[in-house]
Amino acid sequence: MANGCESEGSGVGSRMPLEAPMDAAVLLATQHWLERAVIGLSLCPFANAVHAQGRIRSVVSRAETAEALLADLRRELQALAAAEPEAVDTTLLIAPHVLGEFLDYNAFLARANAALEGLRLDGSLQIASFHPDYVFSDLDAHDAANCSNRSPYPILHLLREASVSRAVASFPDASRIFDKNVLTLRALGHEGYERILAGEPR
């Protein structure tokens, strides 16, 4: 997936080895989910190209508190803003040790967006949210449609506004992607979705 790492996180790439087996397991699970669910089910039709081109940076945060994760987030926002889009187009900041409760994670998003604004990067970057227990505000917690934003660990997905705009402009009926995902996931159900993650055919 991505390139290098910083002192408090580990990324996938040839320039720096992973420092801990836990990081390797987290990255492997995240890549597995990305390839089989997000890309495999076309939940995000824009993900395949940047993944194939190796322009997704994946970083495992060692943070055990919201404050520490906020510091990691600020660092990764600045790193993405400074990177060339041809090298790193988007970042997955994975937080396996903090915000395990969805309500805590959801509350943290306000602080995350405030950090984005504080760095004056709103308008150029944005933050998307993924969590193992993600629930959309207008859906029942047991609705399989929530799986579109359910990841193995809490993730803050950092995106470039320009890349999102180009992707949406190039995709017909981009506004209907969510509706399509709802239909796909409800047709699969939770058991079908788990079979997809296990590598079984649809």
N, C-alpha and C. Protein backbone atom coordinates (compact mmCIF):
# COMPACT_ATOMS: atom_id res chain seq x y z
N MET A 1 0.82 -1.19 0.00
CA MET A 1 0.00 0.00 0.00
C MET A 1 0.86 1.25 0.00
N ALA A 2 1.27 1.78 1.11
CA ALA A 2 1.79 3.14 1.11
C ALA A 2 3.28 3.19 1.35
N ASN A 3 3.78 4.39 1.61
CA ASN A 3 5.21 4.63 1.72
C ASN A 3 5.63 4.97 3.14
N GLY A 4 6.75 4.40 3.59
CA GLY A 4 7.46 4.86 4.78
C GLY A 4 6.66 4.95 6.04
N CYS A 5 7.25 5.58 7.08
CA CYS A 5 6.53 5.79 8.33
C CYS A 5 7.20 6.88 9.13
N GLU A 6 6.49 7.35 10.14
CA GLU A 6 7.03 8.33 11.06
C GLU A 6 7.38 7.66 12.37
N SER A 7 7.87 8.42 13.33
CA SER A 7 8.39 7.84 14.57
C SER A 7 7.33 7.14 15.39
N GLU A 8 6.06 7.58 15.32
CA GLU A 8 5.02 7.00 16.14
C GLU A 8 4.08 6.08 15.36
N GLY A 9 4.39 5.84 14.11
CA GLY A 9 3.52 4.98 13.32
C GLY A 9 4.34 4.22 12.31
N SER A 10 3.76 3.21 11.71
CA SER A 10 4.45 2.43 10.70
C SER A 10 3.65 2.38 9.43
N GLY A 11 4.31 2.54 8.31
CA GLY A 11 3.66 2.44 7.02
C GLY A 11 4.19 1.24 6.27
N VAL A 12 3.56 0.95 5.14
CA VAL A 12 4.00 -0.15 4.31
C VAL A 12 4.85 0.41 3.19
N GLY A 13 5.98 -0.15 2.92
CA GLY A 13 6.84 0.32 1.85
C GLY A 13 8.22 -0.26 1.99
N SER A 14 9.08 -0.03 1.01
CA SER A 14 10.40 -0.65 1.01
C SER A 14 11.44 0.16 1.75
N ARG A 15 11.13 1.40 2.11
CA ARG A 15 12.16 2.26 2.67
C ARG A 15 12.41 2.05 4.15
N MET A 16 11.44 1.53 4.87
CA MET A 16 11.60 1.36 6.32
C MET A 16 10.84 0.13 6.77
N PRO A 17 11.50 -0.79 7.51
CA PRO A 17 10.79 -2.01 7.95
C PRO A 17 9.81 -1.71 9.06
N LEU A 18 8.82 -2.55 9.21
CA LEU A 18 7.89 -2.43 10.32
C LEU A 18 8.64 -2.69 11.62
N GLU A 19 8.28 -1.97 12.66
CA GLU A 19 9.00 -2.07 13.93
C GLU A 19 8.37 -3.08 14.88
N ALA A 20 7.11 -3.46 14.67
CA ALA A 20 6.45 -4.35 15.61
C ALA A 20 5.48 -5.25 14.88
N PRO A 21 5.39 -6.52 15.29
CA PRO A 21 4.45 -7.43 14.65
C PRO A 21 3.01 -6.92 14.70
N MET A 22 2.65 -6.23 15.78
CA MET A 22 1.29 -5.71 15.90
C MET A 22 0.98 -4.78 14.73
N ASP A 23 1.92 -3.92 14.40
CA ASP A 23 1.72 -3.01 13.28
C ASP A 23 1.50 -3.80 11.99
N ALA A 24 2.28 -4.85 11.79
CA ALA A 24 2.15 -5.66 10.58
C ALA A 24 0.76 -6.29 10.51
N ALA A 25 0.27 -6.79 11.62
CA ALA A 25 -1.06 -7.42 11.65
C ALA A 25 -2.15 -6.40 11.35
N VAL A 26 -2.02 -5.21 11.91
CA VAL A 26 -3.01 -4.15 11.69
C VAL A 26 -3.02 -3.74 10.23
N LEU A 27 -1.86 -3.56 9.66
CA LEU A 27 -1.76 -3.16 8.26
C LEU A 27 -2.29 -4.25 7.33
N LEU A 28 -1.99 -5.49 7.66
CA LEU A 28 -2.46 -6.61 6.83
C LEU A 28 -3.99 -6.69 6.86
N ALA A 29 -4.58 -6.57 8.05
CA ALA A 29 -6.04 -6.61 8.17
C ALA A 29 -6.68 -5.45 7.41
N THR A 30 -6.06 -4.29 7.49
CA THR A 30 -6.60 -3.11 6.80
C THR A 30 -6.51 -3.27 5.29
N GLN A 31 -5.38 -3.78 4.80
CA GLN A 31 -5.24 -3.99 3.37
C GLN A 31 -6.22 -5.06 2.88
N HIS A 32 -6.40 -6.10 3.67
CA HIS A 32 -7.36 -7.17 3.35
C HIS A 32 -8.76 -6.58 3.19
N TRP A 33 -9.18 -5.76 4.14
CA TRP A 33 -10.50 -5.09 4.09
C TRP A 33 -10.59 -4.18 2.88
N LEU A 34 -9.54 -3.41 2.62
CA LEU A 34 -9.54 -2.48 1.49
C LEU A 34 -9.73 -3.23 0.17
N GLU A 35 -8.97 -4.31 0.00
CA GLU A 35 -9.00 -5.03 -1.27
C GLU A 35 -10.28 -5.85 -1.45
N ARG A 36 -10.76 -6.49 -0.39
CA ARG A 36 -11.91 -7.39 -0.55
C ARG A 36 -13.25 -6.68 -0.41
N ALA A 37 -13.33 -5.70 0.46
CA ALA A 37 -14.61 -5.01 0.67
C ALA A 37 -14.68 -3.70 -0.10
N VAL A 38 -13.81 -2.77 0.20
CA VAL A 38 -13.91 -1.44 -0.41
C VAL A 38 -13.74 -1.52 -1.93
N ILE A 39 -12.69 -2.22 -2.37
CA ILE A 39 -12.44 -2.35 -3.81
C ILE A 39 -13.24 -3.52 -4.39
N GLY A 40 -13.21 -4.65 -3.70
CA GLY A 40 -13.87 -5.84 -4.22
C GLY A 40 -15.36 -5.68 -4.45
N LEU A 41 -16.02 -4.93 -3.58
CA LEU A 41 -17.45 -4.67 -3.71
C LEU A 41 -17.74 -3.33 -4.36
N SER A 42 -16.69 -2.64 -4.80
CA SER A 42 -16.82 -1.30 -5.41
C SER A 42 -17.57 -0.33 -4.51
N LEU A 43 -17.33 -0.43 -3.19
CA LEU A 43 -17.96 0.50 -2.26
C LEU A 43 -17.45 1.91 -2.49
N CYS A 44 -16.18 2.00 -2.90
CA CYS A 44 -15.62 3.29 -3.34
C CYS A 44 -14.98 3.05 -4.70
N PRO A 45 -15.65 3.43 -5.78
CA PRO A 45 -15.13 3.15 -7.13
C PRO A 45 -13.85 3.91 -7.46
N PHE A 46 -13.46 4.86 -6.60
CA PHE A 46 -12.26 5.63 -6.85
C PHE A 46 -11.02 5.01 -6.21
N ALA A 47 -11.21 4.00 -5.33
CA ALA A 47 -10.10 3.48 -4.55
C ALA A 47 -9.17 2.60 -5.35
N ASN A 48 -9.68 1.89 -6.33
CA ASN A 48 -8.87 0.90 -7.03
C ASN A 48 -7.66 1.51 -7.71
N ALA A 49 -7.85 2.65 -8.38
CA ALA A 49 -6.75 3.26 -9.13
C ALA A 49 -5.61 3.69 -8.22
N VAL A 50 -5.92 4.40 -7.14
CA VAL A 50 -4.84 4.89 -6.27
C VAL A 50 -4.17 3.74 -5.53
N HIS A 51 -4.94 2.67 -5.24
CA HIS A 51 -4.35 1.50 -4.61
C HIS A 51 -3.40 0.80 -5.58
N ALA A 52 -3.82 0.61 -6.81
CA ALA A 52 -2.99 -0.05 -7.82
C ALA A 52 -1.72 0.76 -8.10
N GLN A 53 -1.82 2.06 -8.00
CA GLN A 53 -0.67 2.93 -8.25
C GLN A 53 0.22 3.11 -7.03
N GLY A 54 -0.15 2.51 -5.90
CA GLY A 54 0.66 2.62 -4.68
C GLY A 54 0.66 4.00 -4.07
N ARG A 55 -0.44 4.73 -4.22
CA ARG A 55 -0.49 6.11 -3.72
C ARG A 55 -1.33 6.25 -2.46
N ILE A 56 -1.59 5.13 -1.79
CA ILE A 56 -2.28 5.17 -0.49
C ILE A 56 -1.23 4.97 0.60
N ARG A 57 -1.13 5.93 1.48
CA ARG A 57 -0.21 5.82 2.62
C ARG A 57 -1.01 5.30 3.81
N SER A 58 -0.54 4.21 4.42
CA SER A 58 -1.21 3.64 5.59
C SER A 58 -0.29 3.76 6.79
N VAL A 59 -0.79 4.35 7.86
CA VAL A 59 0.01 4.60 9.05
C VAL A 59 -0.71 4.06 10.27
N VAL A 60 -0.02 3.27 11.06
CA VAL A 60 -0.57 2.76 12.32
C VAL A 60 -0.17 3.70 13.44
N SER A 61 -1.15 4.30 14.08
CA SER A 61 -0.88 5.17 15.23
C SER A 61 -0.67 4.32 16.47
N ARG A 62 0.31 4.69 17.27
CA ARG A 62 0.54 4.01 18.56
C ARG A 62 -0.23 4.71 19.68
N ALA A 63 -1.03 5.69 19.34
CA ALA A 63 -1.75 6.49 20.33
C ALA A 63 -2.67 5.63 21.18
N GLU A 64 -2.67 5.90 22.47
CA GLU A 64 -3.59 5.24 23.40
C GLU A 64 -4.56 6.23 24.04
N THR A 65 -4.45 7.50 23.66
CA THR A 65 -5.37 8.53 24.13
C THR A 65 -5.81 9.37 22.94
N ALA A 66 -6.94 10.04 23.09
CA ALA A 66 -7.43 10.90 22.02
C ALA A 66 -6.44 12.03 21.74
N GLU A 67 -5.80 12.56 22.78
CA GLU A 67 -4.84 13.64 22.60
C GLU A 67 -3.66 13.19 21.75
N ALA A 68 -3.16 11.99 22.02
CA ALA A 68 -2.04 11.47 21.24
C ALA A 68 -2.44 11.23 19.79
N LEU A 69 -3.66 10.73 19.60
CA LEU A 69 -4.13 10.51 18.24
C LEU A 69 -4.28 11.84 17.50
N LEU A 70 -4.72 12.86 18.20
CA LEU A 70 -4.87 14.18 17.60
C LEU A 70 -3.51 14.69 17.12
N ALA A 71 -2.46 14.45 17.92
CA ALA A 71 -1.11 14.86 17.51
C ALA A 71 -0.67 14.10 16.26
N ASP A 72 -0.96 12.79 16.22
CA ASP A 72 -0.64 12.00 15.03
C ASP A 72 -1.41 12.51 13.82
N LEU A 73 -2.67 12.86 14.03
CA LEU A 73 -3.49 13.36 12.94
C LEU A 73 -2.92 14.66 12.38
N ARG A 74 -2.53 15.58 13.25
CA ARG A 74 -1.97 16.84 12.76
C ARG A 74 -0.72 16.58 11.93
N ARG A 75 0.12 15.67 12.41
CA ARG A 75 1.35 15.36 11.68
C ARG A 75 1.04 14.78 10.31
N GLU A 76 0.05 13.87 10.25
CA GLU A 76 -0.27 13.23 8.98
C GLU A 76 -0.98 14.19 8.02
N LEU A 77 -1.77 15.09 8.54
CA LEU A 77 -2.39 16.11 7.68
C LEU A 77 -1.32 16.97 7.04
N GLN A 78 -0.33 17.39 7.83
CA GLN A 78 0.74 18.22 7.29
C GLN A 78 1.59 17.43 6.30
N ALA A 79 1.84 16.17 6.58
CA ALA A 79 2.63 15.33 5.68
C ALA A 79 1.93 15.14 4.34
N LEU A 80 0.61 14.91 4.38
CA LEU A 80 -0.14 14.74 3.13
C LEU A 80 -0.16 16.04 2.33
N ALA A 81 -0.35 17.15 3.01
CA ALA A 81 -0.38 18.44 2.32
C ALA A 81 0.96 18.74 1.65
N ALA A 82 2.05 18.29 2.27
CA ALA A 82 3.39 18.57 1.74
C ALA A 82 3.82 17.59 0.65
N ALA A 83 3.19 16.41 0.61
CA ALA A 83 3.59 15.37 -0.34
C ALA A 83 3.08 15.67 -1.75
N GLU A 84 3.82 15.17 -2.73
CA GLU A 84 3.35 15.26 -4.11
C GLU A 84 2.21 14.28 -4.31
N PRO A 85 1.11 14.70 -4.92
CA PRO A 85 -0.02 13.80 -5.14
C PRO A 85 0.36 12.55 -5.93
N GLU A 86 1.36 12.67 -6.82
CA GLU A 86 1.78 11.52 -7.60
C GLU A 86 2.44 10.45 -6.73
N ALA A 87 2.93 10.84 -5.56
CA ALA A 87 3.56 9.90 -4.63
C ALA A 87 2.58 9.41 -3.57
N VAL A 88 1.85 10.36 -2.96
CA VAL A 88 0.86 10.02 -1.93
C VAL A 88 -0.40 10.83 -2.20
N ASP A 89 -1.46 10.14 -2.55
CA ASP A 89 -2.71 10.84 -2.85
C ASP A 89 -3.63 10.89 -1.64
N THR A 90 -3.54 9.89 -0.78
CA THR A 90 -4.46 9.80 0.35
C THR A 90 -3.80 9.02 1.48
N THR A 91 -4.26 9.23 2.71
CA THR A 91 -3.66 8.57 3.88
C THR A 91 -4.73 7.90 4.72
N LEU A 92 -4.44 6.68 5.17
CA LEU A 92 -5.26 5.98 6.15
C LEU A 92 -4.51 6.02 7.47
N LEU A 93 -5.03 6.77 8.43
CA LEU A 93 -4.45 6.81 9.77
C LEU A 93 -5.24 5.83 10.63
N ILE A 94 -4.62 4.72 10.97
CA ILE A 94 -5.30 3.61 11.65
C ILE A 94 -4.99 3.68 13.14
N ALA A 95 -6.03 3.57 13.98
CA ALA A 95 -5.89 3.76 15.42
C ALA A 95 -6.39 2.53 16.17
N PRO A 96 -5.58 1.48 16.28
CA PRO A 96 -6.05 0.23 16.90
C PRO A 96 -6.13 0.27 18.42
N HIS A 97 -5.53 1.30 19.07
CA HIS A 97 -5.43 1.30 20.53
C HIS A 97 -6.30 2.34 21.22
N VAL A 98 -7.15 3.03 20.47
CA VAL A 98 -7.92 4.13 21.05
C VAL A 98 -9.24 4.27 20.30
N LEU A 99 -10.25 4.86 20.98
CA LEU A 99 -11.56 5.15 20.37
C LEU A 99 -12.25 3.90 19.86
N GLY A 100 -12.14 2.82 20.64
CA GLY A 100 -12.80 1.58 20.29
C GLY A 100 -14.31 1.66 20.35
N GLU A 101 -14.84 2.55 21.20
CA GLU A 101 -16.29 2.77 21.28
C GLU A 101 -16.70 3.76 20.19
N PHE A 102 -17.69 3.39 19.39
CA PHE A 102 -18.06 4.25 18.26
C PHE A 102 -18.50 5.64 18.70
N LEU A 103 -19.23 5.74 19.80
CA LEU A 103 -19.68 7.06 20.26
C LEU A 103 -18.50 7.96 20.60
N ASP A 104 -17.45 7.38 21.18
CA ASP A 104 -16.23 8.15 21.47
C ASP A 104 -15.56 8.59 20.17
N TYR A 105 -15.48 7.65 19.24
CA TYR A 105 -14.88 7.96 17.94
C TYR A 105 -15.67 9.06 17.23
N ASN A 106 -16.98 8.93 17.23
CA ASN A 106 -17.83 9.91 16.56
C ASN A 106 -17.67 11.30 17.16
N ALA A 107 -17.56 11.34 18.49
CA ALA A 107 -17.34 12.63 19.16
C ALA A 107 -15.97 13.21 18.80
N PHE A 108 -14.98 12.34 18.62
CA PHE A 108 -13.63 12.78 18.29
C PHE A 108 -13.57 13.46 16.92
N LEU A 109 -14.47 13.11 16.03
CA LEU A 109 -14.43 13.67 14.68
C LEU A 109 -14.53 15.19 14.67
N ALA A 110 -15.26 15.75 15.63
CA ALA A 110 -15.35 17.21 15.72
C ALA A 110 -13.98 17.81 16.02
N ARG A 111 -13.23 17.16 16.90
CA ARG A 111 -11.88 17.63 17.21
C ARG A 111 -10.94 17.44 16.02
N ALA A 112 -11.15 16.34 15.29
CA ALA A 112 -10.33 16.10 14.10
C ALA A 112 -10.54 17.20 13.06
N ASN A 113 -11.78 17.56 12.82
CA ASN A 113 -12.06 18.61 11.84
C ASN A 113 -11.61 19.98 12.33
N ALA A 114 -11.66 20.18 13.65
CA ALA A 114 -11.14 21.43 14.20
C ALA A 114 -9.63 21.51 13.99
N ALA A 115 -8.93 20.36 14.11
CA ALA A 115 -7.48 20.34 13.86
C ALA A 115 -7.19 20.66 12.40
N LEU A 116 -8.01 20.13 11.50
CA LEU A 116 -7.87 20.42 10.07
C LEU A 116 -8.00 21.92 9.82
N GLU A 117 -9.00 22.53 10.44
CA GLU A 117 -9.20 23.97 10.28
C GLU A 117 -8.08 24.77 10.94
N GLY A 118 -7.62 24.28 12.11
CA GLY A 118 -6.54 24.97 12.80
C GLY A 118 -5.25 25.01 12.00
N LEU A 119 -5.02 23.99 11.18
CA LEU A 119 -3.85 23.95 10.31
C LEU A 119 -4.09 24.69 9.00
N ARG A 120 -5.28 25.24 8.84
CA ARG A 120 -5.70 25.96 7.63
C ARG A 120 -5.61 25.06 6.40
N LEU A 121 -5.97 23.80 6.59
CA LEU A 121 -5.96 22.85 5.48
C LEU A 121 -7.36 22.48 5.02
N ASP A 122 -8.39 23.03 5.72
CA ASP A 122 -9.75 22.81 5.24
C ASP A 122 -9.90 23.52 3.90
N GLY A 123 -10.52 22.86 2.96
CA GLY A 123 -10.58 23.40 1.61
C GLY A 123 -9.59 22.71 0.69
N SER A 124 -8.51 22.17 1.27
CA SER A 124 -7.55 21.40 0.47
C SER A 124 -7.54 19.93 0.87
N LEU A 125 -7.84 19.65 2.15
CA LEU A 125 -7.94 18.27 2.62
C LEU A 125 -9.27 18.07 3.34
N GLN A 126 -9.69 16.81 3.45
CA GLN A 126 -10.88 16.48 4.22
C GLN A 126 -10.65 15.15 4.93
N ILE A 127 -11.49 14.86 5.92
CA ILE A 127 -11.36 13.65 6.72
C ILE A 127 -12.63 12.82 6.58
N ALA A 128 -12.47 11.56 6.16
CA ALA A 128 -13.58 10.62 6.12
C ALA A 128 -13.42 9.63 7.27
N SER A 129 -14.51 9.02 7.69
CA SER A 129 -14.49 8.22 8.92
C SER A 129 -14.90 6.77 8.69
N PHE A 130 -14.15 5.86 9.35
CA PHE A 130 -14.42 4.43 9.32
C PHE A 130 -14.18 3.85 10.70
N HIS A 131 -15.03 2.90 11.10
CA HIS A 131 -14.93 2.32 12.45
C HIS A 131 -15.56 0.93 12.42
N PRO A 132 -15.07 0.00 13.25
CA PRO A 132 -15.64 -1.35 13.27
C PRO A 132 -17.13 -1.39 13.58
N ASP A 133 -17.62 -0.42 14.36
CA ASP A 133 -19.04 -0.40 14.76
C ASP A 133 -19.78 0.80 14.17
N TYR A 134 -19.33 1.26 13.01
CA TYR A 134 -19.91 2.45 12.40
C TYR A 134 -21.42 2.29 12.20
N VAL A 135 -22.16 3.34 12.55
CA VAL A 135 -23.60 3.38 12.32
C VAL A 135 -23.96 4.75 11.75
N PHE A 136 -24.58 4.76 10.59
CA PHE A 136 -25.07 6.02 10.03
C PHE A 136 -26.24 6.52 10.87
N SER A 137 -26.35 7.83 10.98
CA SER A 137 -27.33 8.42 11.88
C SER A 137 -28.77 8.05 11.54
N ASP A 138 -29.03 7.75 10.27
CA ASP A 138 -30.41 7.45 9.86
C ASP A 138 -30.65 5.96 9.65
N LEU A 139 -29.70 5.11 10.09
CA LEU A 139 -29.85 3.67 9.92
C LEU A 139 -29.88 2.96 11.26
N ASP A 140 -30.53 1.81 11.30
CA ASP A 140 -30.50 0.95 12.48
C ASP A 140 -29.11 0.34 12.61
N ALA A 141 -28.68 0.11 13.83
CA ALA A 141 -27.33 -0.42 14.07
C ALA A 141 -27.13 -1.78 13.42
N HIS A 142 -28.20 -2.54 13.21
CA HIS A 142 -28.10 -3.88 12.65
C HIS A 142 -28.22 -3.91 11.13
N ASP A 143 -28.40 -2.75 10.52
CA ASP A 143 -28.54 -2.66 9.07
C ASP A 143 -27.20 -2.97 8.41
N ALA A 144 -27.18 -3.93 7.49
CA ALA A 144 -25.94 -4.30 6.81
C ALA A 144 -25.35 -3.15 6.01
N ALA A 145 -26.14 -2.15 5.68
CA ALA A 145 -25.64 -1.00 4.92
C ALA A 145 -24.55 -0.25 5.67
N ASN A 146 -24.54 -0.36 7.00
CA ASN A 146 -23.49 0.29 7.79
C ASN A 146 -22.11 -0.27 7.47
N CYS A 147 -22.06 -1.46 6.89
CA CYS A 147 -20.76 -2.09 6.58
C CYS A 147 -19.96 -1.28 5.57
N SER A 148 -20.60 -0.37 4.85
CA SER A 148 -19.85 0.45 3.89
C SER A 148 -18.79 1.29 4.59
N ASN A 149 -18.99 1.59 5.88
CA ASN A 149 -18.02 2.38 6.63
C ASN A 149 -17.45 1.63 7.83
N ARG A 150 -17.60 0.30 7.82
CA ARG A 150 -17.05 -0.51 8.91
C ARG A 150 -15.70 -1.09 8.51
N SER A 151 -14.69 -0.76 9.27
CA SER A 151 -13.31 -1.16 9.00
C SER A 151 -12.81 -2.02 10.16
N PRO A 152 -11.69 -2.71 9.99
CA PRO A 152 -11.19 -3.57 11.08
C PRO A 152 -10.83 -2.80 12.34
N TYR A 153 -10.40 -1.55 12.17
CA TYR A 153 -9.98 -0.70 13.30
C TYR A 153 -10.50 0.71 13.03
N PRO A 154 -10.55 1.57 14.04
CA PRO A 154 -10.89 2.97 13.78
C PRO A 154 -9.89 3.58 12.79
N ILE A 155 -10.40 4.26 11.79
CA ILE A 155 -9.55 4.86 10.76
C ILE A 155 -10.00 6.29 10.50
N LEU A 156 -9.04 7.17 10.34
CA LEU A 156 -9.27 8.52 9.84
C LEU A 156 -8.69 8.55 8.43
N HIS A 157 -9.54 8.73 7.45
CA HIS A 157 -9.11 8.70 6.05
C HIS A 157 -8.92 10.14 5.58
N LEU A 158 -7.70 10.49 5.28
CA LEU A 158 -7.35 11.85 4.87
C LEU A 158 -7.31 11.92 3.35
N LEU A 159 -8.10 12.82 2.79
CA LEU A 159 -8.22 12.91 1.34
C LEU A 159 -7.92 14.32 0.85
N ARG A 160 -7.47 14.40 -0.39
CA ARG A 160 -7.28 15.69 -1.04
C ARG A 160 -8.60 16.11 -1.69
N GLU A 161 -9.01 17.34 -1.43
CA GLU A 161 -10.25 17.85 -2.01
C GLU A 161 -10.18 17.80 -3.54
N ALA A 162 -9.03 18.15 -4.11
CA ALA A 162 -8.90 18.18 -5.57
C ALA A 162 -9.07 16.79 -6.15
N SER A 163 -8.53 15.77 -5.48
CA SER A 163 -8.66 14.40 -5.97
C SER A 163 -10.10 13.93 -5.90
N VAL A 164 -10.79 14.28 -4.81
CA VAL A 164 -12.19 13.91 -4.67
C VAL A 164 -13.02 14.57 -5.76
N SER A 165 -12.77 15.84 -6.02
CA SER A 165 -13.53 16.56 -7.05
C SER A 165 -13.32 15.95 -8.43
N ARG A 166 -12.05 15.60 -8.74
CA ARG A 166 -11.77 14.98 -10.05
C ARG A 166 -12.45 13.63 -10.17
N ALA A 167 -12.40 12.85 -9.09
CA ALA A 167 -13.00 11.52 -9.12
C ALA A 167 -14.50 11.60 -9.31
N VAL A 168 -15.15 12.51 -8.59
CA VAL A 168 -16.60 12.66 -8.69
C VAL A 168 -16.99 13.13 -10.09
N ALA A 169 -16.20 14.07 -10.65
CA ALA A 169 -16.51 14.59 -11.98
C ALA A 169 -16.38 13.52 -13.05
N SER A 170 -15.48 12.54 -12.83
CA SER A 170 -15.24 11.52 -13.85
C SER A 170 -16.17 10.31 -13.72
N PHE A 171 -16.96 10.29 -12.64
CA PHE A 171 -17.80 9.13 -12.39
C PHE A 171 -19.27 9.49 -12.59
N PRO A 172 -19.94 8.80 -13.51
CA PRO A 172 -21.36 9.13 -13.73
C PRO A 172 -22.21 8.78 -12.51
N ASP A 173 -23.11 9.69 -12.18
CA ASP A 173 -24.04 9.48 -11.07
C ASP A 173 -23.31 9.22 -9.75
N ALA A 174 -22.27 10.00 -9.50
CA ALA A 174 -21.50 9.81 -8.26
C ALA A 174 -22.39 9.97 -7.03
N SER A 175 -23.42 10.77 -7.14
CA SER A 175 -24.30 10.99 -6.00
C SER A 175 -25.08 9.74 -5.61
N ARG A 176 -25.10 8.73 -6.51
CA ARG A 176 -25.86 7.52 -6.24
C ARG A 176 -24.99 6.39 -5.70
N ILE A 177 -23.70 6.66 -5.46
CA ILE A 177 -22.80 5.61 -4.96
C ILE A 177 -23.31 5.05 -3.63
N PHE A 178 -23.70 5.93 -2.72
CA PHE A 178 -24.18 5.46 -1.42
C PHE A 178 -25.41 4.58 -1.58
N ASP A 179 -26.35 5.01 -2.42
CA ASP A 179 -27.56 4.21 -2.64
C ASP A 179 -27.23 2.83 -3.20
N LYS A 180 -26.27 2.79 -4.13
CA LYS A 180 -25.84 1.51 -4.70
C LYS A 180 -25.22 0.62 -3.62
N ASN A 181 -24.40 1.23 -2.75
CA ASN A 181 -23.78 0.46 -1.67
C ASN A 181 -24.83 -0.12 -0.72
N VAL A 182 -25.85 0.66 -0.43
CA VAL A 182 -26.92 0.18 0.45
C VAL A 182 -27.58 -1.06 -0.15
N LEU A 183 -27.89 -0.99 -1.43
CA LEU A 183 -28.52 -2.13 -2.10
C LEU A 183 -27.61 -3.35 -2.11
N THR A 184 -26.32 -3.13 -2.41
CA THR A 184 -25.35 -4.23 -2.46
C THR A 184 -25.22 -4.90 -1.11
N LEU A 185 -25.06 -4.11 -0.06
CA LEU A 185 -24.80 -4.67 1.26
C LEU A 185 -26.05 -5.31 1.87
N ARG A 186 -27.20 -4.72 1.63
CA ARG A 186 -28.42 -5.34 2.14
C ARG A 186 -28.71 -6.65 1.42
N ALA A 187 -28.38 -6.72 0.14
CA ALA A 187 -28.55 -7.97 -0.60
C ALA A 187 -27.62 -9.06 -0.06
N LEU A 188 -26.41 -8.68 0.31
CA LEU A 188 -25.45 -9.63 0.87
C LEU A 188 -25.84 -10.04 2.29
N GLY A 189 -26.28 -9.05 3.08
CA GLY A 189 -26.51 -9.29 4.50
C GLY A 189 -25.18 -9.43 5.23
N HIS A 190 -25.23 -9.50 6.54
CA HIS A 190 -23.99 -9.58 7.32
C HIS A 190 -23.22 -10.86 7.01
N GLU A 191 -23.92 -11.97 6.87
CA GLU A 191 -23.23 -13.23 6.60
C GLU A 191 -22.57 -13.22 5.24
N GLY A 192 -23.24 -12.68 4.25
CA GLY A 192 -22.65 -12.58 2.92
C GLY A 192 -21.44 -11.67 2.90
N TYR A 193 -21.53 -10.58 3.64
CA TYR A 193 -20.40 -9.65 3.73
C TYR A 193 -19.20 -10.33 4.38
N GLU A 194 -19.44 -11.10 5.43
CA GLU A 194 -18.34 -11.80 6.09
C GLU A 194 -17.72 -12.84 5.15
N ARG A 195 -18.53 -13.45 4.30
CA ARG A 195 -17.98 -14.40 3.33
C ARG A 195 -17.07 -13.70 2.33
N ILE A 196 -17.46 -12.49 1.94
CA ILE A 196 -16.60 -11.70 1.04
C ILE A 196 -15.26 -11.42 1.71
N LEU A 197 -15.29 -11.02 2.97
CA LEU A 197 -14.04 -10.75 3.70
C LEU A 197 -13.20 -12.01 3.84
N ALA A 198 -13.86 -13.16 3.89
CA ALA A 198 -13.15 -14.42 4.02
C ALA A 198 -12.60 -14.91 2.68
N GLY A 199 -12.91 -14.19 1.61
CA GLY A 199 -12.38 -14.56 0.30
C GLY A 199 -13.26 -15.49 -0.49
N GLU A 200 -14.48 -15.73 -0.02
CA GLU A 200 -15.39 -16.60 -0.74
C GLU A 200 -16.07 -15.79 -1.86
N PRO A 201 -16.47 -16.46 -2.95
CA PRO A 201 -17.12 -15.74 -4.05
C PRO A 201 -18.49 -15.23 -3.66
N ARG A 202 -18.96 -14.21 -4.31
CA ARG A 202 -20.27 -13.62 -4.05
C ARG A 202 -21.38 -14.57 -4.47
